[in-house]
């Protein structure tokens, strides 16, 4: 049986890069996060922007190992509330200290990076600021964007 047979909310045809190179734990975590998120917003859909890659990310990116995916969520919830829901879900799944979570409020469609690195990492990215910023600063940016 193929791991993809256990994944309910995603398919190999999405923007995974090379689906066969993905860490199975990443797929299972993403699928669980998606299912629990849909309990808050049944209309939500997760759109994978990219996962496995060989270039285009930070030098030691988890994408190069098949451990990471970037995605956005189409939801009736504003992005800052999506962040709170995703953080809460990671706590429910007891994964808070085992995953990397980045938030990107300035993407064309604000979104997330999630990886299964085995330890806790949090960060954000804000347009106009070099490098990465704290998760908290990126969250404030997401709130400010919603306020107009």
N, C-alpha and C. Protein backbone atom coordinates (compact mmCIF):
# COMPACT_ATOMS: atom_id res chain seq x y z
N UNK A 1 0.84 -1.19 0.00
CA UNK A 1 0.00 0.00 0.00
C UNK A 1 0.89 1.25 0.00
N UNK A 2 0.50 2.24 -0.74
CA UNK A 2 1.23 3.50 -0.89
C UNK A 2 0.81 4.47 0.22
N UNK A 3 1.76 5.24 0.75
CA UNK A 3 1.45 6.23 1.77
C UNK A 3 0.33 7.17 1.32
N UNK A 4 0.31 7.50 0.04
CA UNK A 4 -0.71 8.41 -0.48
C UNK A 4 -2.11 7.84 -0.31
N UNK A 5 -2.23 6.54 -0.14
CA UNK A 5 -3.54 5.93 0.10
C UNK A 5 -4.12 6.35 1.45
N UNK A 6 -3.26 6.80 2.37
CA UNK A 6 -3.70 7.21 3.70
C UNK A 6 -3.98 8.72 3.79
N UNK A 7 -3.61 9.44 2.75
CA UNK A 7 -3.76 10.89 2.75
C UNK A 7 -5.11 11.24 2.14
N UNK A 8 -5.95 11.92 2.91
CA UNK A 8 -7.31 12.23 2.49
C UNK A 8 -7.44 13.54 1.71
N UNK A 9 -6.67 14.56 2.11
CA UNK A 9 -6.93 15.90 1.60
C UNK A 9 -5.99 16.39 0.53
N UNK A 10 -5.05 15.57 0.09
CA UNK A 10 -4.07 16.00 -0.91
C UNK A 10 -3.88 14.89 -1.94
N UNK A 11 -3.30 15.28 -3.07
CA UNK A 11 -3.00 14.29 -4.10
C UNK A 11 -1.59 14.50 -4.63
N UNK A 12 -1.04 13.49 -5.26
CA UNK A 12 0.30 13.56 -5.84
C UNK A 12 0.41 14.63 -6.92
N UNK A 13 -0.71 15.01 -7.50
CA UNK A 13 -0.71 15.94 -8.63
C UNK A 13 -0.51 17.39 -8.21
N UNK A 14 -0.50 17.69 -6.92
CA UNK A 14 -0.31 19.06 -6.46
C UNK A 14 1.16 19.47 -6.59
N UNK A 15 1.49 20.68 -6.21
CA UNK A 15 2.83 21.25 -6.42
C UNK A 15 3.85 20.76 -5.38
N UNK A 16 4.06 19.48 -5.33
CA UNK A 16 4.98 18.89 -4.35
C UNK A 16 6.42 18.92 -4.81
N UNK A 17 6.66 19.22 -6.07
CA UNK A 17 8.02 19.08 -6.61
C UNK A 17 8.15 17.65 -7.12
N UNK A 18 8.60 16.77 -6.26
CA UNK A 18 8.65 15.33 -6.56
C UNK A 18 7.96 14.61 -5.40
N UNK A 19 6.72 14.18 -5.58
CA UNK A 19 5.99 13.57 -4.47
C UNK A 19 6.71 12.37 -3.85
N UNK A 20 7.47 11.65 -4.66
CA UNK A 20 8.17 10.46 -4.15
C UNK A 20 9.33 10.83 -3.22
N UNK A 21 9.73 12.09 -3.21
CA UNK A 21 10.84 12.54 -2.37
C UNK A 21 10.37 13.08 -1.02
N UNK A 22 9.06 13.15 -0.80
CA UNK A 22 8.54 13.75 0.43
C UNK A 22 8.63 12.80 1.61
N UNK A 23 8.92 13.37 2.76
CA UNK A 23 8.90 12.65 4.03
C UNK A 23 7.44 12.29 4.32
N UNK A 24 7.18 11.03 4.57
CA UNK A 24 5.82 10.59 4.86
C UNK A 24 5.22 11.28 6.06
N UNK A 25 6.05 11.61 7.05
CA UNK A 25 5.55 12.31 8.22
C UNK A 25 4.98 13.68 7.83
N UNK A 26 5.64 14.36 6.90
CA UNK A 26 5.14 15.66 6.43
C UNK A 26 3.74 15.51 5.86
N UNK A 27 3.55 14.52 5.02
CA UNK A 27 2.23 14.31 4.42
C UNK A 27 1.17 14.04 5.48
N UNK A 28 1.50 13.19 6.44
CA UNK A 28 0.53 12.85 7.48
C UNK A 28 0.21 14.05 8.36
N UNK A 29 1.23 14.86 8.69
CA UNK A 29 1.00 16.05 9.51
C UNK A 29 0.14 17.06 8.75
N UNK A 30 0.49 17.33 7.51
CA UNK A 30 -0.31 18.26 6.71
C UNK A 30 -1.75 17.79 6.60
N UNK A 31 -1.93 16.51 6.38
CA UNK A 31 -3.29 15.97 6.26
C UNK A 31 -4.07 16.14 7.55
N UNK A 32 -3.42 15.90 8.69
CA UNK A 32 -4.09 16.06 9.99
C UNK A 32 -4.41 17.54 10.25
N UNK A 33 -3.47 18.43 9.93
CA UNK A 33 -3.70 19.87 10.12
C UNK A 33 -4.88 20.31 9.26
N UNK A 34 -4.90 19.87 8.03
CA UNK A 34 -6.01 20.22 7.13
C UNK A 34 -7.34 19.73 7.68
N UNK A 35 -7.40 18.49 8.11
CA UNK A 35 -8.66 17.92 8.61
C UNK A 35 -9.14 18.68 9.85
N UNK A 36 -8.25 18.99 10.77
CA UNK A 36 -8.64 19.72 11.98
C UNK A 36 -8.99 21.17 11.68
N UNK A 37 -8.31 21.78 10.73
CA UNK A 37 -8.64 23.15 10.33
C UNK A 37 -10.06 23.19 9.78
N UNK A 38 -10.42 22.18 9.02
CA UNK A 38 -11.76 22.15 8.41
C UNK A 38 -12.86 21.97 9.45
N UNK A 39 -12.51 21.57 10.65
CA UNK A 39 -13.52 21.56 11.72
C UNK A 39 -13.90 22.98 12.10
N UNK A 40 -12.96 23.93 11.97
CA UNK A 40 -13.23 25.35 12.24
C UNK A 40 -13.88 26.03 11.04
N UNK A 41 -13.45 25.64 9.84
CA UNK A 41 -13.97 26.21 8.60
C UNK A 41 -14.12 25.09 7.58
N UNK A 42 -15.31 24.49 7.50
CA UNK A 42 -15.52 23.35 6.59
C UNK A 42 -15.31 23.68 5.11
N UNK A 43 -15.31 24.95 4.76
CA UNK A 43 -15.13 25.32 3.36
C UNK A 43 -13.65 25.53 3.00
N UNK A 44 -12.76 25.45 3.98
CA UNK A 44 -11.34 25.76 3.76
C UNK A 44 -10.70 24.74 2.82
N UNK A 45 -9.80 25.26 1.98
CA UNK A 45 -8.99 24.37 1.15
C UNK A 45 -7.53 24.78 1.26
N UNK A 46 -6.67 23.79 1.32
CA UNK A 46 -5.22 24.00 1.42
C UNK A 46 -4.63 23.91 0.02
N UNK A 47 -3.85 24.90 -0.34
CA UNK A 47 -3.22 24.94 -1.65
C UNK A 47 -1.71 24.83 -1.45
N UNK A 48 -1.12 23.77 -1.94
CA UNK A 48 0.32 23.57 -1.83
C UNK A 48 1.01 24.43 -2.88
N UNK A 49 1.90 25.31 -2.43
CA UNK A 49 2.67 26.16 -3.35
C UNK A 49 3.92 25.44 -3.82
N UNK A 50 4.60 24.76 -2.90
CA UNK A 50 5.77 23.94 -3.24
C UNK A 50 6.17 23.12 -2.02
N UNK A 51 6.90 22.07 -2.29
CA UNK A 51 7.39 21.21 -1.21
C UNK A 51 8.83 20.83 -1.53
N UNK A 52 9.06 19.62 -2.02
CA UNK A 52 10.44 19.21 -2.33
C UNK A 52 11.03 20.13 -3.38
N UNK A 53 12.27 20.59 -3.14
CA UNK A 53 12.96 21.46 -4.09
C UNK A 53 14.45 21.18 -4.03
N UNK A 54 15.15 21.56 -5.08
CA UNK A 54 16.60 21.43 -5.11
C UNK A 54 17.28 22.79 -5.12
N UNK A 55 16.51 23.87 -5.23
CA UNK A 55 17.07 25.23 -5.20
C UNK A 55 15.95 26.22 -4.90
N UNK A 56 16.35 27.46 -4.63
CA UNK A 56 15.38 28.53 -4.44
C UNK A 56 14.98 28.82 -3.01
N UNK A 57 15.60 28.13 -2.06
CA UNK A 57 15.28 28.33 -0.64
C UNK A 57 16.58 28.61 0.12
N UNK A 58 16.47 28.82 1.41
CA UNK A 58 17.64 29.05 2.26
C UNK A 58 18.62 27.87 2.12
N UNK A 59 19.92 28.12 2.35
CA UNK A 59 20.93 27.08 2.11
C UNK A 59 20.66 25.72 2.77
N UNK A 60 20.16 25.70 3.98
CA UNK A 60 19.91 24.42 4.66
C UNK A 60 18.41 24.13 4.77
N UNK A 61 17.67 24.54 3.76
CA UNK A 61 16.21 24.42 3.77
C UNK A 61 15.73 22.98 3.94
N UNK A 62 14.69 22.83 4.69
CA UNK A 62 14.04 21.53 4.85
C UNK A 62 13.39 21.07 3.54
N UNK A 63 13.14 22.01 2.63
CA UNK A 63 12.59 21.64 1.32
C UNK A 63 13.53 20.70 0.58
N UNK A 64 14.83 20.89 0.75
CA UNK A 64 15.82 20.07 0.03
C UNK A 64 15.84 18.63 0.54
N UNK A 65 15.28 18.40 1.70
CA UNK A 65 15.22 17.05 2.28
C UNK A 65 13.85 16.40 2.11
N UNK A 66 12.91 17.15 1.54
CA UNK A 66 11.55 16.62 1.41
C UNK A 66 10.76 16.72 2.70
N UNK A 67 11.23 17.56 3.62
CA UNK A 67 10.61 17.70 4.94
C UNK A 67 9.69 18.90 5.07
N UNK A 68 9.50 19.70 4.00
CA UNK A 68 8.77 20.96 4.14
C UNK A 68 7.81 21.20 2.99
N UNK A 69 6.77 21.96 3.30
CA UNK A 69 5.82 22.43 2.28
C UNK A 69 5.44 23.86 2.59
N UNK A 70 5.28 24.64 1.53
CA UNK A 70 4.72 25.98 1.62
C UNK A 70 3.30 25.91 1.08
N UNK A 71 2.38 26.56 1.76
CA UNK A 71 0.98 26.48 1.35
C UNK A 71 0.23 27.72 1.82
N UNK A 72 -0.92 27.92 1.22
CA UNK A 72 -1.85 28.92 1.73
C UNK A 72 -3.22 28.26 1.87
N UNK A 73 -4.06 28.90 2.63
CA UNK A 73 -5.38 28.34 2.92
C UNK A 73 -6.44 29.29 2.39
N UNK A 74 -7.32 28.78 1.55
CA UNK A 74 -8.50 29.55 1.15
C UNK A 74 -9.53 29.30 2.24
N UNK A 75 -9.89 30.37 2.93
CA UNK A 75 -10.75 30.23 4.10
C UNK A 75 -11.53 31.52 4.30
N UNK A 76 -12.65 31.40 4.98
CA UNK A 76 -13.39 32.60 5.36
C UNK A 76 -12.72 33.31 6.54
N UNK A 77 -11.77 32.65 7.18
CA UNK A 77 -11.03 33.26 8.29
C UNK A 77 -9.92 34.15 7.74
N UNK A 78 -9.72 35.34 8.33
CA UNK A 78 -8.57 36.15 7.91
C UNK A 78 -7.27 35.44 8.28
N UNK A 79 -6.19 35.82 7.60
CA UNK A 79 -4.92 35.12 7.78
C UNK A 79 -4.47 35.08 9.24
N UNK A 80 -4.60 36.17 9.97
CA UNK A 80 -4.13 36.17 11.36
C UNK A 80 -4.90 35.13 12.19
N UNK A 81 -6.18 34.92 11.89
CA UNK A 81 -6.93 33.89 12.60
C UNK A 81 -6.53 32.49 12.14
N UNK A 82 -6.20 32.37 10.85
CA UNK A 82 -5.69 31.08 10.36
C UNK A 82 -4.43 30.69 11.13
N UNK A 83 -3.56 31.68 11.38
CA UNK A 83 -2.33 31.41 12.14
C UNK A 83 -2.67 30.84 13.51
N UNK A 84 -3.60 31.48 14.20
CA UNK A 84 -3.98 31.01 15.54
C UNK A 84 -4.54 29.59 15.49
N UNK A 85 -5.33 29.30 14.49
CA UNK A 85 -5.90 27.95 14.36
C UNK A 85 -4.80 26.93 14.09
N UNK A 86 -3.88 27.23 13.19
CA UNK A 86 -2.80 26.29 12.89
C UNK A 86 -1.93 26.04 14.13
N UNK A 87 -1.60 27.10 14.85
CA UNK A 87 -0.80 26.95 16.08
C UNK A 87 -1.55 26.08 17.08
N UNK A 88 -2.84 26.31 17.25
CA UNK A 88 -3.66 25.51 18.17
C UNK A 88 -3.69 24.04 17.73
N UNK A 89 -3.82 23.80 16.45
CA UNK A 89 -3.84 22.42 15.93
C UNK A 89 -2.52 21.72 16.22
N UNK A 90 -1.40 22.41 16.01
CA UNK A 90 -0.10 21.80 16.31
C UNK A 90 0.00 21.43 17.78
N UNK A 91 -0.58 22.26 18.65
CA UNK A 91 -0.61 21.93 20.08
C UNK A 91 -1.49 20.70 20.33
N UNK A 92 -2.65 20.66 19.71
CA UNK A 92 -3.54 19.49 19.86
C UNK A 92 -2.85 18.20 19.44
N UNK A 93 -2.09 18.29 18.35
CA UNK A 93 -1.40 17.12 17.81
C UNK A 93 -0.09 16.81 18.55
N UNK A 94 0.23 17.63 19.54
CA UNK A 94 1.46 17.50 20.32
C UNK A 94 2.71 17.57 19.44
N UNK A 95 2.66 18.49 18.48
CA UNK A 95 3.76 18.66 17.54
C UNK A 95 4.48 19.99 17.69
N UNK A 96 4.05 20.81 18.62
CA UNK A 96 4.60 22.16 18.77
C UNK A 96 6.12 22.16 18.82
N UNK A 97 6.71 21.23 19.54
CA UNK A 97 8.16 21.21 19.72
C UNK A 97 8.89 20.34 18.68
N UNK A 98 8.18 19.93 17.63
CA UNK A 98 8.77 19.02 16.65
C UNK A 98 8.73 19.54 15.21
N UNK A 99 8.11 20.73 15.02
CA UNK A 99 7.97 21.23 13.65
C UNK A 99 8.46 22.67 13.53
N UNK A 100 8.82 23.02 12.31
CA UNK A 100 9.12 24.40 11.96
C UNK A 100 7.88 25.01 11.35
N UNK A 101 7.57 26.24 11.75
CA UNK A 101 6.40 26.94 11.22
C UNK A 101 6.79 28.37 10.90
N UNK A 102 6.70 28.72 9.64
CA UNK A 102 6.95 30.08 9.21
C UNK A 102 5.67 30.69 8.69
N UNK A 103 5.49 31.99 8.92
CA UNK A 103 4.31 32.69 8.42
C UNK A 103 4.74 33.83 7.51
N UNK A 104 3.98 34.00 6.44
CA UNK A 104 4.34 34.92 5.37
C UNK A 104 3.12 35.81 5.04
N UNK A 105 2.89 36.85 5.82
CA UNK A 105 1.71 37.69 5.60
C UNK A 105 1.76 38.51 4.32
N UNK A 106 2.94 38.69 3.72
CA UNK A 106 3.05 39.53 2.54
C UNK A 106 3.13 38.76 1.23
N UNK A 107 3.00 37.44 1.28
CA UNK A 107 2.88 36.70 0.04
C UNK A 107 1.63 37.20 -0.68
N UNK A 108 1.59 37.02 -1.98
CA UNK A 108 0.40 37.43 -2.75
C UNK A 108 -0.86 36.82 -2.11
N UNK A 109 -0.74 35.59 -1.71
CA UNK A 109 -1.77 34.94 -0.89
C UNK A 109 -1.07 34.55 0.40
N UNK A 110 -1.31 35.28 1.48
CA UNK A 110 -0.58 35.01 2.74
C UNK A 110 -0.61 33.52 3.07
N UNK A 111 0.53 33.02 3.56
CA UNK A 111 0.60 31.58 3.78
C UNK A 111 1.63 31.14 4.78
N UNK A 112 1.89 29.84 4.74
CA UNK A 112 2.66 29.13 5.75
C UNK A 112 3.78 28.31 5.12
N UNK A 113 4.79 28.09 5.92
CA UNK A 113 5.79 27.05 5.69
C UNK A 113 5.64 26.11 6.88
N UNK A 114 5.56 24.82 6.62
CA UNK A 114 5.50 23.82 7.69
C UNK A 114 6.51 22.75 7.37
N UNK A 115 7.33 22.39 8.37
CA UNK A 115 8.28 21.31 8.14
C UNK A 115 8.34 20.40 9.36
N UNK A 116 8.85 19.20 9.12
CA UNK A 116 8.94 18.17 10.17
C UNK A 116 10.40 17.94 10.53
N UNK A 117 11.07 18.99 10.94
CA UNK A 117 12.51 18.96 11.25
C UNK A 117 12.83 18.20 12.53
N UNK A 118 11.85 18.00 13.39
CA UNK A 118 12.10 17.28 14.64
C UNK A 118 12.35 18.19 15.83
N UNK A 119 12.38 19.49 15.61
CA UNK A 119 12.54 20.46 16.69
C UNK A 119 11.71 21.70 16.38
N UNK A 120 11.52 22.52 17.39
CA UNK A 120 10.68 23.71 17.23
C UNK A 120 11.47 24.85 16.58
N UNK A 121 10.88 25.47 15.58
CA UNK A 121 11.41 26.68 14.96
C UNK A 121 10.21 27.52 14.53
N UNK A 122 10.30 28.84 14.75
CA UNK A 122 9.24 29.76 14.36
C UNK A 122 9.88 31.01 13.77
N UNK A 123 9.30 31.55 12.71
CA UNK A 123 9.81 32.75 12.08
C UNK A 123 8.73 33.33 11.19
N UNK A 124 9.03 34.49 10.64
CA UNK A 124 8.15 35.13 9.67
C UNK A 124 8.99 35.86 8.64
N UNK A 125 8.35 36.32 7.61
CA UNK A 125 8.99 37.10 6.57
C UNK A 125 8.08 38.25 6.21
N UNK A 126 8.64 39.46 6.22
CA UNK A 126 7.89 40.66 5.92
C UNK A 126 8.58 41.37 4.76
N UNK A 127 7.83 41.72 3.74
CA UNK A 127 8.41 42.46 2.61
C UNK A 127 9.04 43.75 3.10
N UNK A 128 10.19 44.07 2.53
CA UNK A 128 10.88 45.29 2.89
C UNK A 128 11.84 45.15 4.05
N UNK A 129 11.84 44.01 4.72
CA UNK A 129 12.79 43.75 5.81
C UNK A 129 13.74 42.65 5.35
N UNK A 130 15.04 42.88 5.53
CA UNK A 130 15.99 41.84 5.10
C UNK A 130 15.89 40.61 6.00
N UNK A 131 16.09 39.46 5.42
CA UNK A 131 16.09 38.23 6.20
C UNK A 131 14.73 37.92 6.79
N UNK A 132 14.77 37.14 7.84
CA UNK A 132 13.55 36.72 8.51
C UNK A 132 13.33 37.53 9.77
N UNK A 133 12.10 37.57 10.22
CA UNK A 133 11.73 38.29 11.44
C UNK A 133 11.14 37.28 12.41
N UNK A 134 10.88 37.74 13.61
CA UNK A 134 10.27 36.84 14.60
C UNK A 134 8.85 36.49 14.18
N UNK A 135 8.39 35.36 14.66
CA UNK A 135 7.03 34.92 14.41
C UNK A 135 6.05 35.98 14.90
N UNK A 136 6.35 36.55 16.06
CA UNK A 136 5.47 37.55 16.67
C UNK A 136 5.37 38.80 15.79
N UNK A 137 6.50 39.26 15.25
CA UNK A 137 6.48 40.44 14.39
C UNK A 137 5.67 40.18 13.12
N UNK A 138 5.82 39.01 12.55
CA UNK A 138 5.05 38.67 11.34
C UNK A 138 3.57 38.54 11.67
N UNK A 139 3.25 38.05 12.86
CA UNK A 139 1.84 37.95 13.27
C UNK A 139 1.23 39.35 13.39
N UNK A 140 1.98 40.28 13.99
CA UNK A 140 1.51 41.67 14.11
C UNK A 140 1.28 42.25 12.73
N UNK A 141 2.18 41.97 11.79
CA UNK A 141 2.01 42.44 10.42
C UNK A 141 0.72 41.89 9.82
N UNK A 142 0.44 40.62 10.05
CA UNK A 142 -0.80 40.01 9.53
C UNK A 142 -2.02 40.71 10.11
N UNK A 143 -2.00 41.00 11.40
CA UNK A 143 -3.12 41.71 12.04
C UNK A 143 -3.30 43.11 11.45
N UNK A 144 -2.18 43.81 11.24
CA UNK A 144 -2.23 45.17 10.71
C UNK A 144 -2.80 45.18 9.28
N UNK A 145 -2.43 44.20 8.49
CA UNK A 145 -2.93 44.13 7.12
C UNK A 145 -4.45 43.95 7.10
N UNK A 146 -4.97 43.17 8.04
CA UNK A 146 -6.41 42.95 8.11
C UNK A 146 -7.13 44.21 8.56
N UNK A 147 -6.47 44.99 9.42
CA UNK A 147 -7.09 46.21 9.93
C UNK A 147 -7.13 47.30 8.86
N UNK A 148 -6.30 47.12 7.81
CA UNK A 148 -6.32 48.07 6.72
C UNK A 148 -5.31 49.12 6.87
